[in-house]
Amino acid sequence: MGDMVKPETLRALVEAGSVRDALVTADGRKWHVEISVGMARRAVATRRGQLRQWSSLDAVARYLRGMGVARWMVDAADMSEQEAML
């Protein structure tokens, strides 16, 4: 993961209208988010700078809605088979 954005920066970017959309990507049983800022995609990080991961799409949706991100896409190509059966 290249550049990452911490939650407080994400909120500021959304409020400034700089976030075009978000891509939610499966990684086995976890999900992570990349936002589009200008021509770049930046992964969402924790406050400590680690890649932020979620265990469900519902949790991702709540987080993004809370941050003010209304438009997002899902890439489930790398979702684990166990997750697909749930």
Protein backbone atom coordinates (compact mmCIF):
# COMPACT_ATOMS: atom_id res chain seq x y z
CA MET A 1 0.00 0.00 0.00
CA GLY A 2 1.47 3.32 -1.02
CA ASP A 3 0.23 6.55 0.50
CA MET A 4 -2.32 6.19 3.25
CA VAL A 5 -4.76 8.66 4.76
CA LYS A 6 -5.60 8.75 8.47
CA PRO A 7 -9.22 9.22 9.63
CA GLU A 8 -8.89 12.92 10.52
CA THR A 9 -7.35 13.65 7.12
CA LEU A 10 -10.05 11.63 5.37
CA ARG A 11 -12.76 13.64 7.10
CA ALA A 12 -11.06 16.91 6.08
CA LEU A 13 -10.72 15.74 2.46
CA VAL A 14 -14.40 14.75 2.34
CA GLU A 15 -15.49 18.08 3.85
CA ALA A 16 -13.36 19.91 1.26
CA GLY A 17 -15.03 17.93 -1.55
CA SER A 18 -11.73 16.35 -2.60
CA VAL A 19 -12.83 12.70 -2.40
CA ARG A 20 -14.38 11.52 -5.67
CA ASP A 21 -15.26 7.98 -4.56
CA ALA A 22 -13.97 4.98 -2.67
CA LEU A 23 -13.07 1.43 -3.61
CA VAL A 24 -13.75 -1.28 -1.01
CA THR A 25 -11.55 -4.31 -1.69
CA ALA A 26 -11.71 -7.82 -0.28
CA ASP A 27 -8.51 -9.32 1.07
CA GLY A 28 -9.45 -12.82 2.19
CA ARG A 29 -11.92 -12.34 5.05
CA LYS A 30 -11.10 -8.65 5.58
CA TRP A 31 -11.91 -5.49 3.64
CA HIS A 32 -9.93 -2.30 3.11
CA VAL A 33 -10.79 1.03 1.50
CA GLU A 34 -8.97 3.19 -1.01
CA ILE A 35 -10.22 6.69 -1.74
CA SER A 36 -9.82 8.64 -4.97
CA VAL A 37 -8.24 12.05 -4.40
CA GLY A 38 -7.44 13.80 -7.63
CA MET A 39 -5.79 11.21 -9.88
CA ALA A 40 -4.45 9.13 -6.96
CA ARG A 41 -5.87 6.36 -4.78
CA ARG A 42 -4.94 6.40 -1.11
CA ALA A 43 -5.65 3.62 1.36
CA VAL A 44 -7.49 4.42 4.59
CA ALA A 45 -5.25 3.98 7.62
CA THR A 46 -5.77 3.73 11.35
CA ARG A 47 -4.80 6.67 13.55
CA ARG A 48 -1.45 4.94 14.10
CA GLY A 49 -0.78 4.72 10.36
CA GLN A 50 -1.51 1.00 9.80
CA LEU A 51 -3.81 -0.21 7.02
CA ARG A 52 -7.39 -0.02 8.32
CA GLN A 53 -9.31 -3.28 7.81
CA TRP A 54 -12.92 -4.25 8.45
CA SER A 55 -14.46 -7.68 8.95
CA SER A 56 -17.71 -6.96 7.07
CA LEU A 57 -19.13 -4.79 4.32
CA ASP A 58 -21.75 -3.53 6.77
CA ALA A 59 -18.99 -2.16 9.00
CA VAL A 60 -17.31 -0.51 6.01
CA ALA A 61 -20.63 1.06 4.96
CA ARG A 62 -21.18 2.50 8.46
CA TYR A 63 -17.65 3.91 8.54
CA LEU A 64 -17.87 5.51 5.09
CA ARG A 65 -21.33 6.94 5.78
CA GLY A 66 -20.03 8.38 9.06
CA MET A 67 -17.14 10.00 7.19
CA GLY A 68 -19.51 11.47 4.60
CA VAL A 69 -18.47 9.26 1.68
CA ALA A 70 -21.63 8.54 -0.29
CA ARG A 71 -20.20 6.88 -3.40
CA TRP A 72 -18.21 3.65 -3.23
CA MET A 73 -17.57 0.52 -5.27
CA VAL A 74 -16.80 -3.05 -4.22
CA ASP A 75 -14.10 -5.37 -5.56
CA ALA A 76 -14.81 -8.83 -4.12
CA ALA A 77 -12.47 -10.76 -6.44
CA ASP A 78 -10.16 -11.76 -3.57
CA MET A 79 -12.89 -12.58 -1.05
CA SER A 80 -12.28 -15.87 0.75
CA GLU A 81 -14.62 -18.77 -0.02
CA GLN A 82 -15.73 -18.90 3.64
CA GLU A 83 -16.77 -15.25 3.49
CA ALA A 84 -18.64 -15.81 0.21
CA MET A 85 -20.75 -18.52 1.85
CA LEU A 86 -21.94 -16.22 4.67
